[in-house]
């Protein structure tokens, strides 16, 4: 698998598997085959891997973990590189409303971590449950989620980076919570896992990390990049300018097709013209897309 390290990073995104469309919910419902079915999703992922993809970025939820359980990697020398996004925001918002807000959520998570049997989560989980200390909660949560992934890792499936969800990343940036990013960075780096951040405001993240002396060369950043500026905040010009500031390729571009507005050929040519792009993430919901999209991306990008 080591011979794949220097090739373009082409990730399958999980939005179609969660029946998410950034353009409209009606578009998501129009799909004939259901990519929300773990068996069909695993089939699409396999097709994408056969045609050039080499990784999977996904929200850490039971349905996506079940896709990994059903995925057949026999005969694929390249293997699979994982880039999970945590936490699965929808799940925790739901738990918070069911448990009476943040305090109830913290206690519920603390007990879940204790019951998981993971030693690290046990230590931090006890502290979280008793004190509601946010740093302990962060470490307990990360340990808990990493333990959920352990059984899915092998010689052909490896964990490359763990990405902090956009909702958490952008809120923490707005609130100037430098401690959260530093704790997250230190915890994952200690485990030799690349700290990752999913953001909707790439220039702001670059600026704040530089201010907080967080090494941008040692992270992965998942953020929108496309030729029409779709979801690129505050503007396509500012995002491209921030990209040039980086000293190494650490950015994984998402929303590269602008929810279907841009063809893969156009997207690839645009991305190939940019500096410091480490790879791309594209969701597929149909067999034809899984077969053709990554073939095109690999030829041009």
Protein backbone atom coordinates (compact mmCIF):
# COMPACT_ATOMS: atom_id res chain seq x y z
CA UNK A 1 0.00 0.00 0.00
CA UNK A 2 2.93 2.36 0.55
CA UNK A 3 3.29 2.89 -3.19
CA UNK A 4 0.03 4.86 -3.14
CA UNK A 5 1.31 7.55 -0.79
CA UNK A 6 2.52 9.93 -3.52
CA UNK A 7 -0.41 9.52 -5.89
CA UNK A 8 -3.31 12.03 -5.96
CA UNK A 9 -5.66 11.66 -3.01
CA UNK A 10 -9.09 10.92 -4.48
CA UNK A 11 -11.71 10.43 -1.79
CA UNK A 12 -15.26 9.19 -2.05
CA UNK A 13 -17.51 11.51 -0.02
CA UNK A 14 -20.41 10.19 2.02
CA UNK A 15 -23.11 12.84 1.44
CA UNK A 16 -25.09 10.67 -1.02
CA UNK A 17 -24.85 7.74 1.42
CA UNK A 18 -26.58 9.93 4.03
CA UNK A 19 -29.08 11.16 1.40
CA UNK A 20 -27.63 14.68 1.60
CA UNK A 21 -27.63 17.04 -1.38
CA UNK A 22 -26.11 20.49 -0.92
CA UNK A 23 -28.37 21.78 -3.69
CA UNK A 24 -31.76 20.45 -2.57
CA UNK A 25 -33.44 17.64 -0.69
CA UNK A 26 -35.72 16.97 -3.68
CA UNK A 27 -32.62 16.20 -5.75
CA UNK A 28 -31.50 13.68 -3.16
CA UNK A 29 -34.90 11.97 -3.28
CA UNK A 30 -34.81 11.67 -7.09
CA UNK A 31 -32.17 8.94 -7.04
CA UNK A 32 -33.44 5.60 -8.31
CA UNK A 33 -31.01 3.37 -6.46
CA UNK A 34 -30.76 4.15 -2.79
CA UNK A 35 -27.18 5.09 -1.82
CA UNK A 36 -28.45 5.24 1.76
CA UNK A 37 -28.59 1.43 1.72
CA UNK A 38 -25.23 0.28 3.20
CA UNK A 39 -25.00 -2.65 0.77
CA UNK A 40 -25.49 -0.44 -2.29
CA UNK A 41 -23.22 2.24 -0.80
CA UNK A 42 -20.47 -0.35 -0.32
CA UNK A 43 -20.97 -1.42 -3.93
CA UNK A 44 -20.57 2.20 -5.12
CA UNK A 45 -17.48 2.65 -2.97
CA UNK A 46 -15.95 -0.52 -4.44
CA UNK A 47 -16.68 0.68 -8.01
CA UNK A 48 -15.07 4.04 -7.26
CA UNK A 49 -11.98 2.31 -5.84
CA UNK A 50 -11.73 0.11 -8.91
CA UNK A 51 -11.73 3.21 -11.10
CA UNK A 52 -9.19 5.43 -9.37
CA UNK A 53 -10.42 6.43 -5.93
CA UNK A 54 -8.16 5.55 -3.01
CA UNK A 55 -9.93 6.86 0.07
CA UNK A 56 -13.20 7.51 1.88
CA UNK A 57 -14.19 10.57 3.89
CA UNK A 58 -17.28 10.07 6.01
CA UNK A 59 -19.18 11.15 9.10
CA UNK A 60 -18.63 8.85 12.08
CA UNK A 61 -22.05 7.25 12.36
CA UNK A 62 -23.33 3.68 12.52
CA UNK A 63 -24.62 3.67 8.93
CA UNK A 64 -21.22 4.61 7.50
CA UNK A 65 -19.40 2.11 9.71
CA UNK A 66 -21.76 -0.55 8.39
CA UNK A 67 -20.63 0.38 4.85
CA UNK A 68 -17.07 -0.51 5.87
CA UNK A 69 -18.37 -3.81 7.26
CA UNK A 70 -19.95 -4.67 3.90
CA UNK A 71 -17.09 -3.43 1.71
CA UNK A 72 -15.16 -6.10 -0.21
CA UNK A 73 -11.57 -5.05 -0.93
CA UNK A 74 -10.36 -8.34 -2.41
CA UNK A 75 -8.13 -7.80 -5.43
CA UNK A 76 -7.59 -4.08 -4.77
CA UNK A 77 -3.86 -3.56 -4.25
CA UNK A 78 -4.28 0.14 -3.51
CA UNK A 79 -6.35 -0.44 -0.37
CA UNK A 80 -8.43 2.21 1.34
CA UNK A 81 -7.41 5.37 3.21
CA UNK A 82 -9.89 6.69 5.80
CA UNK A 83 -10.62 10.34 6.58
CA UNK A 84 -13.51 10.28 9.09
CA UNK A 85 -15.25 13.49 10.14
CA UNK A 86 -16.23 13.84 13.81
CA UNK A 87 -18.60 14.41 15.46
CA UNK A 88 -21.64 13.46 13.38
CA UNK A 89 -23.39 16.77 14.13
CA UNK A 90 -26.97 15.63 13.49
CA UNK A 91 -26.65 12.76 15.96
CA UNK A 92 -25.36 14.96 18.78
CA UNK A 93 -27.84 17.77 18.21
CA UNK A 94 -30.55 15.13 18.47
CA UNK A 95 -29.04 13.74 21.69
CA UNK A 96 -28.75 17.23 23.17
CA UNK A 97 -32.45 17.95 22.58
CA UNK A 98 -33.39 14.59 24.05
CA UNK A 99 -31.20 15.11 27.14
CA UNK A 100 -32.17 18.65 28.00
CA UNK A 101 -29.30 20.57 26.47
CA UNK A 102 -25.50 20.58 26.66
CA UNK A 103 -25.20 19.46 30.29
CA UNK A 104 -27.37 16.41 29.66
CA UNK A 105 -25.43 15.61 26.49
CA UNK A 106 -22.11 15.77 28.34
CA UNK A 107 -23.32 13.35 31.00
CA UNK A 108 -24.77 10.96 28.42
CA UNK A 109 -21.53 10.96 26.42
CA UNK A 110 -19.52 10.46 29.58
CA UNK A 111 -21.44 7.32 30.49
CA UNK A 112 -21.30 6.02 26.89
CA UNK A 113 -17.53 6.39 26.95
CA UNK A 114 -17.23 4.65 30.30
CA UNK A 115 -19.40 1.76 29.07
CA UNK A 116 -17.35 1.44 25.86
CA UNK A 117 -14.58 -0.35 27.76
CA UNK A 118 -11.86 1.75 26.12
CA UNK A 119 -9.28 2.53 28.82
CA UNK A 120 -8.54 6.04 27.60
CA UNK A 121 -12.21 6.89 27.29
CA UNK A 122 -12.76 5.42 30.76
CA UNK A 123 -10.24 7.77 32.34
CA UNK A 124 -11.43 10.89 30.58
CA UNK A 125 -15.05 9.77 30.68
CA UNK A 126 -15.05 9.63 34.48
CA UNK A 127 -13.59 13.13 34.60
CA UNK A 128 -16.14 14.35 32.08
CA UNK A 129 -19.07 12.86 33.96
CA UNK A 130 -17.97 14.24 37.31
CA UNK A 131 -16.70 17.67 36.29
CA UNK A 132 -18.04 18.41 32.77
CA UNK A 133 -14.51 19.61 31.96
CA UNK A 134 -14.47 20.46 28.23
CA UNK A 135 -10.86 19.32 27.69
CA UNK A 136 -11.61 15.96 29.29
CA UNK A 137 -14.76 15.69 27.18
CA UNK A 138 -12.78 16.31 24.00
CA UNK A 139 -10.16 13.67 24.82
CA UNK A 140 -12.73 11.16 26.00
CA UNK A 141 -14.81 11.65 22.90
CA UNK A 142 -11.86 11.26 20.53
CA UNK A 143 -10.67 8.14 22.34
CA UNK A 144 -14.18 6.71 22.21
CA UNK A 145 -14.62 7.34 18.49
CA UNK A 146 -11.15 6.00 17.64
CA UNK A 147 -12.00 2.82 19.53
CA UNK A 148 -15.12 2.45 17.34
CA UNK A 149 -12.89 2.55 14.26
CA UNK A 150 -10.31 0.05 15.48
CA UNK A 151 -12.13 -3.06 14.31
CA UNK A 152 -12.36 -1.65 10.77
CA UNK A 153 -8.63 -1.01 10.35
CA UNK A 154 -6.29 -3.51 8.72
CA UNK A 155 -3.32 -3.76 6.37
CA UNK A 156 -5.59 -2.66 3.53
CA UNK A 157 -7.68 -0.11 5.45
CA UNK A 158 -5.74 2.57 7.29
CA UNK A 159 -6.66 5.69 9.19
CA UNK A 160 -4.89 8.74 7.73
CA UNK A 161 -6.55 11.69 9.42
CA UNK A 162 -9.46 12.57 11.71
CA UNK A 163 -11.31 15.73 10.69
CA UNK A 164 -13.16 17.99 13.10
CA UNK A 165 -16.66 18.64 11.75
CA UNK A 166 -17.31 21.99 10.08
CA UNK A 167 -19.97 22.96 12.63
CA UNK A 168 -17.50 22.56 15.50
CA UNK A 169 -14.51 23.97 13.61
CA UNK A 170 -16.21 27.15 12.44
CA UNK A 171 -18.01 27.77 15.72
CA UNK A 172 -14.77 27.31 17.68
CA UNK A 173 -12.96 29.66 15.28
CA UNK A 174 -15.67 32.29 15.70
CA UNK A 175 -15.50 31.98 19.51
CA UNK A 176 -11.69 32.16 19.49
CA UNK A 177 -11.36 28.78 21.24
CA UNK A 178 -7.67 28.27 20.57
CA UNK A 179 -7.43 25.71 23.39
CA UNK A 180 -9.80 23.36 21.55
CA UNK A 181 -7.67 23.31 18.41
CA UNK A 182 -4.43 22.94 20.36
CA UNK A 183 -5.79 20.08 22.48
CA UNK A 184 -7.20 18.36 19.40
CA UNK A 185 -3.91 18.82 17.52
CA UNK A 186 -1.82 17.49 20.42
CA UNK A 187 -4.07 14.49 21.15
CA UNK A 188 -4.10 13.18 17.57
CA UNK A 189 -0.47 14.04 16.84
CA UNK A 190 0.55 11.99 19.87
CA UNK A 191 -1.23 9.02 18.30
CA UNK A 192 0.53 9.67 14.96
CA UNK A 193 -2.79 10.58 13.32
CA UNK A 194 -2.89 13.74 11.21
CA UNK A 195 -5.23 16.30 12.82
CA UNK A 196 -7.84 17.40 10.29
CA UNK A 197 -10.32 20.25 10.08
CA UNK A 198 -13.43 20.59 7.93
CA UNK A 199 -14.22 24.28 7.47
CA UNK A 200 -16.51 26.52 5.46
CA UNK A 201 -14.23 29.53 5.93
CA UNK A 202 -10.78 28.47 4.82
CA UNK A 203 -9.10 31.92 4.86
CA UNK A 204 -10.26 32.54 8.44
CA UNK A 205 -8.90 29.19 9.61
CA UNK A 206 -5.52 29.86 7.96
CA UNK A 207 -5.34 33.29 9.58
CA UNK A 208 -6.29 32.06 13.06
CA UNK A 209 -3.94 29.05 12.97
CA UNK A 210 -1.06 31.36 12.04
CA UNK A 211 -2.04 33.65 14.94
CA UNK A 212 -2.17 30.69 17.37
CA UNK A 213 1.10 29.16 16.09
CA UNK A 214 -0.58 25.93 14.99
CA UNK A 215 1.60 24.31 12.33
CA UNK A 216 -0.39 24.30 9.09
CA UNK A 217 2.14 21.90 7.55
CA UNK A 218 1.00 19.16 9.95
CA UNK A 219 -2.75 19.24 9.40
CA UNK A 220 -5.33 18.26 6.79
CA UNK A 221 -7.98 20.80 5.78
CA UNK A 222 -11.21 19.77 4.04
CA UNK A 223 -12.88 22.79 2.44
CA UNK A 224 -14.83 23.79 -0.70
CA UNK A 225 -12.92 24.66 -3.88
CA UNK A 226 -14.53 24.96 -7.32
CA UNK A 227 -14.29 27.25 -10.33
CA UNK A 228 -17.61 29.06 -9.64
CA UNK A 229 -16.99 29.81 -5.95
CA UNK A 230 -19.86 27.62 -4.71
CA UNK A 231 -19.77 27.51 -0.86
CA UNK A 232 -16.39 29.29 -0.87
CA UNK A 233 -16.49 31.82 1.99
CA UNK A 234 -15.93 34.75 1.94
CA UNK A 235 -15.09 34.56 -1.80
CA UNK A 236 -13.27 32.50 -4.38
CA UNK A 237 -10.57 35.19 -4.57
CA UNK A 238 -9.90 35.13 -0.82
CA UNK A 239 -9.81 31.32 -0.73
CA UNK A 240 -7.32 31.15 -3.60
CA UNK A 241 -5.19 33.83 -1.93
CA UNK A 242 -5.13 31.87 1.35
CA UNK A 243 -4.16 28.73 -0.56
CA UNK A 244 -1.00 30.45 -1.82
CA UNK A 245 0.06 31.26 1.75
CA UNK A 246 0.46 27.59 2.64
CA UNK A 247 3.92 26.06 2.48
CA UNK A 248 2.80 22.52 1.61
CA UNK A 249 -0.23 20.73 0.08
CA UNK A 250 -2.59 20.05 2.99
CA UNK A 251 -5.97 20.91 1.44
CA UNK A 252 -8.57 18.37 0.33
CA UNK A 253 -11.04 20.12 -1.95
CA UNK A 254 -14.73 19.31 -1.54
CA UNK A 255 -17.81 20.57 -3.42
CA UNK A 256 -15.60 20.49 -6.53
CA UNK A 257 -18.58 19.81 -8.82
CA UNK A 258 -20.71 22.56 -7.19
CA UNK A 259 -23.52 20.04 -6.59
CA UNK A 260 -23.54 18.93 -10.23
CA UNK A 261 -23.19 22.35 -11.86
CA UNK A 262 -19.60 21.64 -12.97
CA UNK A 263 -18.46 18.62 -14.98
CA UNK A 264 -15.59 16.49 -13.59
CA UNK A 265 -13.31 17.51 -16.49
CA UNK A 266 -13.77 21.22 -15.73
CA UNK A 267 -13.36 20.65 -12.01
CA UNK A 268 -10.13 18.73 -12.50
CA UNK A 269 -8.56 21.36 -14.74
CA UNK A 270 -9.40 24.13 -12.26
CA UNK A 271 -7.97 22.20 -9.30
CA UNK A 272 -4.83 21.25 -11.24
CA UNK A 273 -4.15 24.97 -11.69
CA UNK A 274 -4.12 25.61 -7.92
CA UNK A 275 -1.18 25.21 -5.51
CA UNK A 276 -1.22 23.16 -2.31
CA UNK A 277 -4.21 20.95 -3.14
CA UNK A 278 -3.54 17.55 -1.60
CA UNK A 279 -6.60 15.83 -3.04
CA UNK A 280 -10.33 15.95 -3.64
CA UNK A 281 -13.51 14.49 -2.17
CA UNK A 282 -16.49 13.68 -4.40
CA UNK A 283 -19.74 11.94 -3.55
CA UNK A 284 -21.29 9.43 -5.96
CA UNK A 285 -24.86 8.15 -5.91
CA UNK A 286 -25.01 6.06 -9.10
CA UNK A 287 -22.94 3.29 -10.65
CA UNK A 288 -22.12 5.39 -13.71
CA UNK A 289 -20.82 8.20 -11.52
CA UNK A 290 -18.70 5.82 -9.46
CA UNK A 291 -17.16 4.34 -12.61
CA UNK A 292 -16.58 7.53 -14.59
CA UNK A 293 -15.92 10.34 -12.09
CA UNK A 294 -12.69 9.03 -10.60
CA UNK A 295 -11.36 7.82 -13.94
CA UNK A 296 -11.67 11.38 -15.21
CA UNK A 297 -10.19 12.90 -12.05
CA UNK A 298 -7.19 10.55 -12.13
CA UNK A 299 -6.43 11.30 -15.78
CA UNK A 300 -6.46 15.09 -15.40
CA UNK A 301 -5.79 15.91 -11.77
